[in-house]
mmCIF file of all heavy atoms, coordinates in Angstrom:
data_MODEL
# 
_entry.id   MODEL 
# 
loop_
_atom_site.group_PDB 
_atom_site.id 
_atom_site.type_symbol 
_atom_site.label_atom_id 
_atom_site.label_alt_id 
_atom_site.label_comp_id 
_atom_site.label_asym_id 
_atom_site.label_entity_id 
_atom_site.label_seq_id 
_atom_site.pdbx_PDB_ins_code 
_atom_site.Cartn_x 
_atom_site.Cartn_y 
_atom_site.Cartn_z 
_atom_site.occupancy 
_atom_site.B_iso_or_equiv 
_atom_site.pdbx_formal_charge 
_atom_site.auth_seq_id 
_atom_site.auth_comp_id 
_atom_site.auth_asym_id 
_atom_site.auth_atom_id 
_atom_site.pdbx_PDB_model_num 
ATOM 1   N N   . PRO A 1 1  ? 29.262 -59.231 -6.897  1.00 0.00 ? 1  PRO A N   1 
ATOM 2   C CA  . PRO A 1 1  ? 29.402 -60.247 -7.941  1.00 0.00 ? 1  PRO A CA  1 
ATOM 3   C C   . PRO A 1 1  ? 28.029 -60.776 -8.372  1.00 0.00 ? 1  PRO A C   1 
ATOM 4   O O   . PRO A 1 1  ? 27.173 -61.105 -7.530  1.00 0.00 ? 1  PRO A O   1 
ATOM 5   C CB  . PRO A 1 1  ? 30.219 -61.342 -7.255  1.00 0.00 ? 1  PRO A CB  1 
ATOM 6   C CG  . PRO A 1 1  ? 30.984 -60.624 -6.181  1.00 0.00 ? 1  PRO A CG  1 
ATOM 7   C CD  . PRO A 1 1  ? 30.067 -59.548 -5.693  1.00 0.00 ? 1  PRO A CD  1 
ATOM 8   N N   . ALA A 1 2  ? 27.810 -60.879 -9.666  1.00 0.00 ? 2  ALA A N   1 
ATOM 9   C CA  . ALA A 1 2  ? 26.502 -61.282 -10.190 1.00 0.00 ? 2  ALA A CA  1 
ATOM 10  C C   . ALA A 1 2  ? 26.146 -62.710 -9.827  1.00 0.00 ? 2  ALA A C   1 
ATOM 11  O O   . ALA A 1 2  ? 24.965 -63.068 -9.808  1.00 0.00 ? 2  ALA A O   1 
ATOM 12  C CB  . ALA A 1 2  ? 26.491 -61.103 -11.714 1.00 0.00 ? 2  ALA A CB  1 
ATOM 13  N N   . ASP A 1 3  ? 27.163 -63.542 -9.547  1.00 0.00 ? 3  ASP A N   1 
ATOM 14  C CA  . ASP A 1 3  ? 26.885 -64.954 -9.255  1.00 0.00 ? 3  ASP A CA  1 
ATOM 15  C C   . ASP A 1 3  ? 26.832 -65.236 -7.748  1.00 0.00 ? 3  ASP A C   1 
ATOM 16  O O   . ASP A 1 3  ? 26.825 -66.403 -7.339  1.00 0.00 ? 3  ASP A O   1 
ATOM 17  C CB  . ASP A 1 3  ? 27.914 -65.861 -9.913  1.00 0.00 ? 3  ASP A CB  1 
ATOM 18  C CG  . ASP A 1 3  ? 29.329 -65.620 -9.403  1.00 0.00 ? 3  ASP A CG  1 
ATOM 19  O OD1 . ASP A 1 3  ? 29.571 -64.586 -8.731  1.00 0.00 ? 3  ASP A OD1 1 
ATOM 20  O OD2 . ASP A 1 3  ? 30.219 -66.460 -9.676  1.00 0.00 ? 3  ASP A OD2 1 
ATOM 21  N N   . ALA A 1 4  ? 26.772 -64.192 -6.931  1.00 0.00 ? 4  ALA A N   1 
ATOM 22  C CA  . ALA A 1 4  ? 26.703 -64.391 -5.494  1.00 0.00 ? 4  ALA A CA  1 
ATOM 23  C C   . ALA A 1 4  ? 25.371 -65.036 -5.112  1.00 0.00 ? 4  ALA A C   1 
ATOM 24  O O   . ALA A 1 4  ? 24.307 -64.587 -5.543  1.00 0.00 ? 4  ALA A O   1 
ATOM 25  C CB  . ALA A 1 4  ? 26.863 -63.067 -4.761  1.00 0.00 ? 4  ALA A CB  1 
ATOM 26  N N   . ASP A 1 5  ? 25.438 -66.097 -4.313  1.00 0.00 ? 5  ASP A N   1 
ATOM 27  C CA  . ASP A 1 5  ? 24.222 -66.746 -3.816  1.00 0.00 ? 5  ASP A CA  1 
ATOM 28  C C   . ASP A 1 5  ? 23.789 -66.188 -2.460  1.00 0.00 ? 5  ASP A C   1 
ATOM 29  O O   . ASP A 1 5  ? 22.603 -66.153 -2.146  1.00 0.00 ? 5  ASP A O   1 
ATOM 30  C CB  . ASP A 1 5  ? 24.452 -68.255 -3.667  1.00 0.00 ? 5  ASP A CB  1 
ATOM 31  C CG  . ASP A 1 5  ? 24.798 -68.928 -4.979  1.00 0.00 ? 5  ASP A CG  1 
ATOM 32  O OD1 . ASP A 1 5  ? 23.968 -68.854 -5.900  1.00 0.00 ? 5  ASP A OD1 1 
ATOM 33  O OD2 . ASP A 1 5  ? 25.900 -69.511 -5.077  1.00 0.00 ? 5  ASP A OD2 1 
ATOM 34  N N   . VAL A 1 6  ? 24.774 -65.786 -1.659  1.00 0.00 ? 6  VAL A N   1 
ATOM 35  C CA  . VAL A 1 6  ? 24.519 -65.229 -0.332  1.00 0.00 ? 6  VAL A CA  1 
ATOM 36  C C   . VAL A 1 6  ? 25.417 -63.999 -0.170  1.00 0.00 ? 6  VAL A C   1 
ATOM 37  O O   . VAL A 1 6  ? 26.618 -64.073 -0.444  1.00 0.00 ? 6  VAL A O   1 
ATOM 38  C CB  . VAL A 1 6  ? 24.833 -66.245 0.797   1.00 0.00 ? 6  VAL A CB  1 
ATOM 39  C CG1 . VAL A 1 6  ? 24.590 -65.625 2.160   1.00 0.00 ? 6  VAL A CG1 1 
ATOM 40  C CG2 . VAL A 1 6  ? 24.000 -67.516 0.620   1.00 0.00 ? 6  VAL A CG2 1 
ATOM 41  N N   . VAL A 1 7  ? 24.833 -62.892 0.246   1.00 0.00 ? 7  VAL A N   1 
ATOM 42  C CA  . VAL A 1 7  ? 25.592 -61.655 0.501   1.00 0.00 ? 7  VAL A CA  1 
ATOM 43  C C   . VAL A 1 7  ? 25.355 -61.260 1.948   1.00 0.00 ? 7  VAL A C   1 
ATOM 44  O O   . VAL A 1 7  ? 24.202 -61.184 2.397   1.00 0.00 ? 7  VAL A O   1 
ATOM 45  C CB  . VAL A 1 7  ? 25.152 -60.514 -0.434  1.00 0.00 ? 7  VAL A CB  1 
ATOM 46  C CG1 . VAL A 1 7  ? 25.943 -59.239 -0.120  1.00 0.00 ? 7  VAL A CG1 1 
ATOM 47  C CG2 . VAL A 1 7  ? 25.329 -60.917 -1.905  1.00 0.00 ? 7  VAL A CG2 1 
ATOM 48  N N   . VAL A 1 8  ? 26.437 -61.020 2.692   1.00 0.00 ? 8  VAL A N   1 
ATOM 49  C CA  . VAL A 1 8  ? 26.324 -60.729 4.114   1.00 0.00 ? 8  VAL A CA  1 
ATOM 50  C C   . VAL A 1 8  ? 27.020 -59.413 4.437   1.00 0.00 ? 8  VAL A C   1 
ATOM 51  O O   . VAL A 1 8  ? 28.222 -59.252 4.150   1.00 0.00 ? 8  VAL A O   1 
ATOM 52  C CB  . VAL A 1 8  ? 26.976 -61.846 4.958   1.00 0.00 ? 8  VAL A CB  1 
ATOM 53  C CG1 . VAL A 1 8  ? 26.732 -61.577 6.451   1.00 0.00 ? 8  VAL A CG1 1 
ATOM 54  C CG2 . VAL A 1 8  ? 26.468 -63.210 4.555   1.00 0.00 ? 8  VAL A CG2 1 
ATOM 55  N N   . ASN A 1 9  ? 26.280 -58.475 5.018   1.00 0.00 ? 9  ASN A N   1 
ATOM 56  C CA  . ASN A 1 9  ? 26.928 -57.304 5.596   1.00 0.00 ? 9  ASN A CA  1 
ATOM 57  C C   . ASN A 1 9  ? 27.397 -57.665 6.990   1.00 0.00 ? 9  ASN A C   1 
ATOM 58  O O   . ASN A 1 9  ? 26.584 -57.775 7.918   1.00 0.00 ? 9  ASN A O   1 
ATOM 59  C CB  . ASN A 1 9  ? 25.976 -56.112 5.661   1.00 0.00 ? 9  ASN A CB  1 
ATOM 60  C CG  . ASN A 1 9  ? 26.608 -54.933 6.407   1.00 0.00 ? 9  ASN A CG  1 
ATOM 61  O OD1 . ASN A 1 9  ? 27.811 -54.697 6.306   1.00 0.00 ? 9  ASN A OD1 1 
ATOM 62  N ND2 . ASN A 1 9  ? 25.811 -54.228 7.188   1.00 0.00 ? 9  ASN A ND2 1 
ATOM 63  N N   . ALA A 1 10 ? 28.690 -57.855 7.154   1.00 0.00 ? 10 ALA A N   1 
ATOM 64  C CA  . ALA A 1 10 ? 29.260 -58.200 8.457   1.00 0.00 ? 10 ALA A CA  1 
ATOM 65  C C   . ALA A 1 10 ? 29.971 -57.011 9.082   1.00 0.00 ? 10 ALA A C   1 
ATOM 66  O O   . ALA A 1 10 ? 30.797 -57.177 9.966   1.00 0.00 ? 10 ALA A O   1 
ATOM 67  C CB  . ALA A 1 10 ? 30.223 -59.376 8.307   1.00 0.00 ? 10 ALA A CB  1 
ATOM 68  N N   . THR A 1 11 ? 29.618 -55.802 8.638   1.00 0.00 ? 11 THR A N   1 
ATOM 69  C CA  . THR A 1 11 ? 30.155 -54.584 9.235   1.00 0.00 ? 11 THR A CA  1 
ATOM 70  C C   . THR A 1 11 ? 29.135 -54.021 10.216  1.00 0.00 ? 11 THR A C   1 
ATOM 71  O O   . THR A 1 11 ? 28.016 -54.514 10.331  1.00 0.00 ? 11 THR A O   1 
ATOM 72  C CB  . THR A 1 11 ? 30.456 -53.514 8.160   1.00 0.00 ? 11 THR A CB  1 
ATOM 73  O OG1 . THR A 1 11 ? 29.227 -52.915 7.721   1.00 0.00 ? 11 THR A OG1 1 
ATOM 74  C CG2 . THR A 1 11 ? 31.178 -54.125 6.967   1.00 0.00 ? 11 THR A CG2 1 
ATOM 75  N N   . SER A 1 12 ? 29.520 -52.944 10.898  1.00 0.00 ? 12 SER A N   1 
ATOM 76  C CA  . SER A 1 12 ? 28.595 -52.277 11.832  1.00 0.00 ? 12 SER A CA  1 
ATOM 77  C C   . SER A 1 12 ? 27.894 -51.087 11.184  1.00 0.00 ? 12 SER A C   1 
ATOM 78  O O   . SER A 1 12 ? 27.188 -50.337 11.864  1.00 0.00 ? 12 SER A O   1 
ATOM 79  C CB  . SER A 1 12 ? 29.354 -51.815 13.075  1.00 0.00 ? 12 SER A CB  1 
ATOM 80  O OG  . SER A 1 12 ? 30.370 -50.889 12.722  1.00 0.00 ? 12 SER A OG  1 
ATOM 81  N N   . ILE A 1 13 ? 28.055 -50.925 9.875   1.00 0.00 ? 13 ILE A N   1 
ATOM 82  C CA  . ILE A 1 13 ? 27.425 -49.794 9.191   1.00 0.00 ? 13 ILE A CA  1 
ATOM 83  C C   . ILE A 1 13 ? 25.902 -49.944 9.233   1.00 0.00 ? 13 ILE A C   1 
ATOM 84  O O   . ILE A 1 13 ? 25.363 -50.972 8.818   1.00 0.00 ? 13 ILE A O   1 
ATOM 85  C CB  . ILE A 1 13 ? 27.908 -49.708 7.724   1.00 0.00 ? 13 ILE A CB  1 
ATOM 86  C CG1 . ILE A 1 13 ? 29.419 -49.521 7.664   1.00 0.00 ? 13 ILE A CG1 1 
ATOM 87  C CG2 . ILE A 1 13 ? 27.203 -48.559 7.000   1.00 0.00 ? 13 ILE A CG2 1 
ATOM 88  C CD1 . ILE A 1 13 ? 29.991 -49.592 6.254   1.00 0.00 ? 13 ILE A CD1 1 
ATOM 89  N N   . GLY A 1 14 ? 25.234 -48.935 9.760   1.00 0.00 ? 14 GLY A N   1 
ATOM 90  C CA  . GLY A 1 14 ? 23.777 -48.970 9.857   1.00 0.00 ? 14 GLY A CA  1 
ATOM 91  C C   . GLY A 1 14 ? 23.265 -49.332 11.225  1.00 0.00 ? 14 GLY A C   1 
ATOM 92  O O   . GLY A 1 14 ? 22.048 -49.391 11.449  1.00 0.00 ? 14 GLY A O   1 
ATOM 93  N N   . LEU A 1 15 ? 24.182 -49.573 12.176  1.00 0.00 ? 15 LEU A N   1 
ATOM 94  C CA  . LEU A 1 15 ? 23.780 -49.918 13.529  1.00 0.00 ? 15 LEU A CA  1 
ATOM 95  C C   . LEU A 1 15 ? 23.265 -48.676 14.250  1.00 0.00 ? 15 LEU A C   1 
ATOM 96  O O   . LEU A 1 15 ? 23.853 -47.605 14.162  1.00 0.00 ? 15 LEU A O   1 
ATOM 97  C CB  . LEU A 1 15 ? 24.972 -50.491 14.297  1.00 0.00 ? 15 LEU A CB  1 
ATOM 98  C CG  . LEU A 1 15 ? 24.755 -50.867 15.764  1.00 0.00 ? 15 LEU A CG  1 
ATOM 99  C CD1 . LEU A 1 15 ? 23.764 -52.008 15.894  1.00 0.00 ? 15 LEU A CD1 1 
ATOM 100 C CD2 . LEU A 1 15 ? 26.094 -51.239 16.415  1.00 0.00 ? 15 LEU A CD2 1 
ATOM 101 N N   . ALA A 1 16 ? 22.145 -48.821 14.965  1.00 0.00 ? 16 ALA A N   1 
ATOM 102 C CA  . ALA A 1 16 ? 21.608 -47.702 15.738  1.00 0.00 ? 16 ALA A CA  1 
ATOM 103 C C   . ALA A 1 16 ? 22.652 -47.203 16.734  1.00 0.00 ? 16 ALA A C   1 
ATOM 104 O O   . ALA A 1 16 ? 23.398 -48.002 17.296  1.00 0.00 ? 16 ALA A O   1 
ATOM 105 C CB  . ALA A 1 16 ? 20.342 -48.151 16.479  1.00 0.00 ? 16 ALA A CB  1 
ATOM 106 N N   . PRO A 1 17 ? 22.763 -45.892 16.923  1.00 0.00 ? 17 PRO A N   1 
ATOM 107 C CA  . PRO A 1 17 ? 21.864 -44.849 16.447  1.00 0.00 ? 17 PRO A CA  1 
ATOM 108 C C   . PRO A 1 17 ? 22.163 -44.335 15.048  1.00 0.00 ? 17 PRO A C   1 
ATOM 109 O O   . PRO A 1 17 ? 21.461 -43.448 14.542  1.00 0.00 ? 17 PRO A O   1 
ATOM 110 C CB  . PRO A 1 17 ? 22.075 -43.730 17.467  1.00 0.00 ? 17 PRO A CB  1 
ATOM 111 C CG  . PRO A 1 17 ? 23.508 -43.867 17.854  1.00 0.00 ? 17 PRO A CG  1 
ATOM 112 C CD  . PRO A 1 17 ? 23.786 -45.349 17.854  1.00 0.00 ? 17 PRO A CD  1 
ATOM 113 N N   . ASP A 1 18 ? 23.184 -44.871 14.388  1.00 0.00 ? 18 ASP A N   1 
ATOM 114 C CA  . ASP A 1 18 ? 23.543 -44.419 13.049  1.00 0.00 ? 18 ASP A CA  1 
ATOM 115 C C   . ASP A 1 18 ? 22.826 -45.262 11.993  1.00 0.00 ? 18 ASP A C   1 
ATOM 116 O O   . ASP A 1 18 ? 23.433 -45.718 11.018  1.00 0.00 ? 18 ASP A O   1 
ATOM 117 C CB  . ASP A 1 18 ? 25.059 -44.489 12.841  1.00 0.00 ? 18 ASP A CB  1 
ATOM 118 C CG  . ASP A 1 18 ? 25.814 -43.573 13.789  1.00 0.00 ? 18 ASP A CG  1 
ATOM 119 O OD1 . ASP A 1 18 ? 25.312 -42.463 14.053  1.00 0.00 ? 18 ASP A OD1 1 
ATOM 120 O OD2 . ASP A 1 18 ? 26.889 -43.968 14.270  1.00 0.00 ? 18 ASP A OD2 1 
ATOM 121 N N   . TRP A 1 19 ? 21.511 -45.458 12.190  1.00 0.00 ? 19 TRP A N   1 
ATOM 122 C CA  . TRP A 1 19 ? 20.773 -46.362 11.314  1.00 0.00 ? 19 TRP A CA  1 
ATOM 123 C C   . TRP A 1 19 ? 20.617 -45.833 9.895   1.00 0.00 ? 19 TRP A C   1 
ATOM 124 O O   . TRP A 1 19 ? 20.293 -46.586 8.967   1.00 0.00 ? 19 TRP A O   1 
ATOM 125 C CB  . TRP A 1 19 ? 19.403 -46.662 11.912  1.00 0.00 ? 19 TRP A CB  1 
ATOM 126 C CG  . TRP A 1 19 ? 18.530 -45.456 12.090  1.00 0.00 ? 19 TRP A CG  1 
ATOM 127 C CD1 . TRP A 1 19 ? 18.464 -44.646 13.183  1.00 0.00 ? 19 TRP A CD1 1 
ATOM 128 C CD2 . TRP A 1 19 ? 17.614 -44.922 11.148  1.00 0.00 ? 19 TRP A CD2 1 
ATOM 129 N NE1 . TRP A 1 19 ? 17.556 -43.633 12.981  1.00 0.00 ? 19 TRP A NE1 1 
ATOM 130 C CE2 . TRP A 1 19 ? 17.013 -43.787 11.745  1.00 0.00 ? 19 TRP A CE2 1 
ATOM 131 C CE3 . TRP A 1 19 ? 17.220 -45.289 9.869   1.00 0.00 ? 19 TRP A CE3 1 
ATOM 132 C CZ2 . TRP A 1 19 ? 16.055 -43.013 11.079  1.00 0.00 ? 19 TRP A CZ2 1 
ATOM 133 C CZ3 . TRP A 1 19 ? 16.265 -44.523 9.209   1.00 0.00 ? 19 TRP A CZ3 1 
ATOM 134 C CH2 . TRP A 1 19 ? 15.699 -43.404 9.811   1.00 0.00 ? 19 TRP A CH2 1 
ATOM 135 N N   . GLN A 1 20 ? 20.861 -44.554 9.698   1.00 0.00 ? 20 GLN A N   1 
ATOM 136 C CA  . GLN A 1 20 ? 20.738 -43.987 8.362   1.00 0.00 ? 20 GLN A CA  1 
ATOM 137 C C   . GLN A 1 20 ? 22.021 -44.139 7.534   1.00 0.00 ? 20 GLN A C   1 
ATOM 138 O O   . GLN A 1 20 ? 22.031 -43.813 6.352   1.00 0.00 ? 20 GLN A O   1 
ATOM 139 C CB  . GLN A 1 20 ? 20.361 -42.503 8.447   1.00 0.00 ? 20 GLN A CB  1 
ATOM 140 C CG  . GLN A 1 20 ? 18.945 -42.271 8.980   1.00 0.00 ? 20 GLN A CG  1 
ATOM 141 C CD  . GLN A 1 20 ? 18.581 -40.801 9.028   1.00 0.00 ? 20 GLN A CD  1 
ATOM 142 O OE1 . GLN A 1 20 ? 19.370 -39.969 9.487   1.00 0.00 ? 20 GLN A OE1 1 
ATOM 143 N NE2 . GLN A 1 20 ? 17.389 -40.477 8.557   1.00 0.00 ? 20 GLN A NE2 1 
ATOM 144 N N   . ALA A 1 21 ? 23.088 -44.645 8.168   1.00 0.00 ? 21 ALA A N   1 
ATOM 145 C CA  . ALA A 1 21 ? 24.332 -44.870 7.419   1.00 0.00 ? 21 ALA A CA  1 
ATOM 146 C C   . ALA A 1 21 ? 24.110 -45.961 6.380   1.00 0.00 ? 21 ALA A C   1 
ATOM 147 O O   . ALA A 1 21 ? 23.498 -46.991 6.648   1.00 0.00 ? 21 ALA A O   1 
ATOM 148 C CB  . ALA A 1 21 ? 25.448 -45.264 8.374   1.00 0.00 ? 21 ALA A CB  1 
ATOM 149 N N   . ARG A 1 22 ? 24.630 -45.728 5.180   1.00 0.00 ? 22 ARG A N   1 
ATOM 150 C CA  . ARG A 1 22 ? 24.396 -46.643 4.068   1.00 0.00 ? 22 ARG A CA  1 
ATOM 151 C C   . ARG A 1 22 ? 25.622 -47.502 3.807   1.00 0.00 ? 22 ARG A C   1 
ATOM 152 O O   . ARG A 1 22 ? 26.745 -46.997 3.726   1.00 0.00 ? 22 ARG A O   1 
ATOM 153 C CB  . ARG A 1 22 ? 24.035 -45.863 2.798   1.00 0.00 ? 22 ARG A CB  1 
ATOM 154 C CG  . ARG A 1 22 ? 23.740 -46.759 1.603   1.00 0.00 ? 22 ARG A CG  1 
ATOM 155 C CD  . ARG A 1 22 ? 23.380 -45.955 0.361   1.00 0.00 ? 22 ARG A CD  1 
ATOM 156 N NE  . ARG A 1 22 ? 23.173 -46.886 -0.729  1.00 0.00 ? 22 ARG A NE  1 
ATOM 157 C CZ  . ARG A 1 22 ? 24.140 -47.368 -1.502  1.00 0.00 ? 22 ARG A CZ  1 
ATOM 158 N NH1 . ARG A 1 22 ? 25.401 -46.966 -1.293  1.00 0.00 ? 22 ARG A NH1 1 
ATOM 159 N NH2 . ARG A 1 22 ? 23.886 -48.238 -2.446  1.00 0.00 ? 22 ARG A NH2 1 
ATOM 160 N N   . VAL A 1 23 ? 25.432 -48.811 3.663   1.00 0.00 ? 23 VAL A N   1 
ATOM 161 C CA  . VAL A 1 23 ? 26.520 -49.707 3.278   1.00 0.00 ? 23 VAL A CA  1 
ATOM 162 C C   . VAL A 1 23 ? 26.854 -49.391 1.823   1.00 0.00 ? 23 VAL A C   1 
ATOM 163 O O   . VAL A 1 23 ? 25.973 -49.481 0.945   1.00 0.00 ? 23 VAL A O   1 
ATOM 164 C CB  . VAL A 1 23 ? 26.108 -51.179 3.419   1.00 0.00 ? 23 VAL A CB  1 
ATOM 165 C CG1 . VAL A 1 23 ? 27.228 -52.094 2.952   1.00 0.00 ? 23 VAL A CG1 1 
ATOM 166 C CG2 . VAL A 1 23 ? 25.728 -51.491 4.857   1.00 0.00 ? 23 VAL A CG2 1 
ATOM 167 N N   . PRO A 1 24 ? 28.098 -48.996 1.516   1.00 0.00 ? 24 PRO A N   1 
ATOM 168 C CA  . PRO A 1 24 ? 28.419 -48.544 0.165   1.00 0.00 ? 24 PRO A CA  1 
ATOM 169 C C   . PRO A 1 24 ? 28.586 -49.670 -0.846  1.00 0.00 ? 24 PRO A C   1 
ATOM 170 O O   . PRO A 1 24 ? 29.697 -50.135 -1.134  1.00 0.00 ? 24 PRO A O   1 
ATOM 171 C CB  . PRO A 1 24 ? 29.733 -47.767 0.363   1.00 0.00 ? 24 PRO A CB  1 
ATOM 172 C CG  . PRO A 1 24 ? 30.355 -48.367 1.567   1.00 0.00 ? 24 PRO A CG  1 
ATOM 173 C CD  . PRO A 1 24 ? 29.222 -48.796 2.460   1.00 0.00 ? 24 PRO A CD  1 
ATOM 174 N N   . VAL A 1 25 ? 27.466 -50.132 -1.361  1.00 0.00 ? 25 VAL A N   1 
ATOM 175 C CA  . VAL A 1 25 ? 27.446 -51.081 -2.484  1.00 0.00 ? 25 VAL A CA  1 
ATOM 176 C C   . VAL A 1 25 ? 26.553 -50.494 -3.570  1.00 0.00 ? 25 VAL A C   1 
ATOM 177 O O   . VAL A 1 25 ? 25.703 -49.642 -3.289  1.00 0.00 ? 25 VAL A O   1 
ATOM 178 C CB  . VAL A 1 25 ? 26.929 -52.468 -2.061  1.00 0.00 ? 25 VAL A CB  1 
ATOM 179 C CG1 . VAL A 1 25 ? 27.829 -53.087 -0.995  1.00 0.00 ? 25 VAL A CG1 1 
ATOM 180 C CG2 . VAL A 1 25 ? 25.497 -52.396 -1.591  1.00 0.00 ? 25 VAL A CG2 1 
ATOM 181 N N   . GLN A 1 26 ? 26.748 -50.951 -4.801  1.00 0.00 ? 26 GLN A N   1 
ATOM 182 C CA  . GLN A 1 26 ? 25.889 -50.501 -5.892  1.00 0.00 ? 26 GLN A CA  1 
ATOM 183 C C   . GLN A 1 26 ? 24.509 -51.129 -5.725  1.00 0.00 ? 26 GLN A C   1 
ATOM 184 O O   . GLN A 1 26 ? 24.370 -52.347 -5.796  1.00 0.00 ? 26 GLN A O   1 
ATOM 185 C CB  . GLN A 1 26 ? 26.499 -50.869 -7.235  1.00 0.00 ? 26 GLN A CB  1 
ATOM 186 C CG  . GLN A 1 26 ? 27.734 -50.072 -7.588  1.00 0.00 ? 26 GLN A CG  1 
ATOM 187 C CD  . GLN A 1 26 ? 28.243 -50.371 -8.992  1.00 0.00 ? 26 GLN A CD  1 
ATOM 188 O OE1 . GLN A 1 26 ? 27.578 -51.027 -9.783  1.00 0.00 ? 26 GLN A OE1 1 
ATOM 189 N NE2 . GLN A 1 26 ? 29.442 -49.898 -9.298  1.00 0.00 ? 26 GLN A NE2 1 
ATOM 190 N N   . ALA A 1 27 ? 23.509 -50.290 -5.483  1.00 0.00 ? 27 ALA A N   1 
ATOM 191 C CA  . ALA A 1 27 ? 22.174 -50.795 -5.195  1.00 0.00 ? 27 ALA A CA  1 
ATOM 192 C C   . ALA A 1 27 ? 21.614 -51.634 -6.331  1.00 0.00 ? 27 ALA A C   1 
ATOM 193 O O   . ALA A 1 27 ? 20.836 -52.565 -6.091  1.00 0.00 ? 27 ALA A O   1 
ATOM 194 C CB  . ALA A 1 27 ? 21.237 -49.626 -4.877  1.00 0.00 ? 27 ALA A CB  1 
ATOM 195 N N   . ASP A 1 28 ? 22.005 -51.322 -7.567  1.00 0.00 ? 28 ASP A N   1 
ATOM 196 C CA  . ASP A 1 28 ? 21.452 -52.072 -8.704  1.00 0.00 ? 28 ASP A CA  1 
ATOM 197 C C   . ASP A 1 28 ? 22.234 -53.355 -8.985  1.00 0.00 ? 28 ASP A C   1 
ATOM 198 O O   . ASP A 1 28 ? 21.947 -54.051 -9.958  1.00 0.00 ? 28 ASP A O   1 
ATOM 199 C CB  . ASP A 1 28 ? 21.406 -51.208 -9.955  1.00 0.00 ? 28 ASP A CB  1 
ATOM 200 C CG  . ASP A 1 28 ? 22.786 -50.712 -10.404 1.00 0.00 ? 28 ASP A CG  1 
ATOM 201 O OD1 . ASP A 1 28 ? 23.787 -51.015 -9.707  1.00 0.00 ? 28 ASP A OD1 1 
ATOM 202 O OD2 . ASP A 1 28 ? 22.869 -50.029 -11.446 1.00 0.00 ? 28 ASP A OD2 1 
# 
């Protein structure tokens, strides 16, 4: 959402040893 003030990844995606896993959000 464009009006988000705080964005939190509260999943385990990207946790070592799978640190290369990408959280699937639109980077732009």
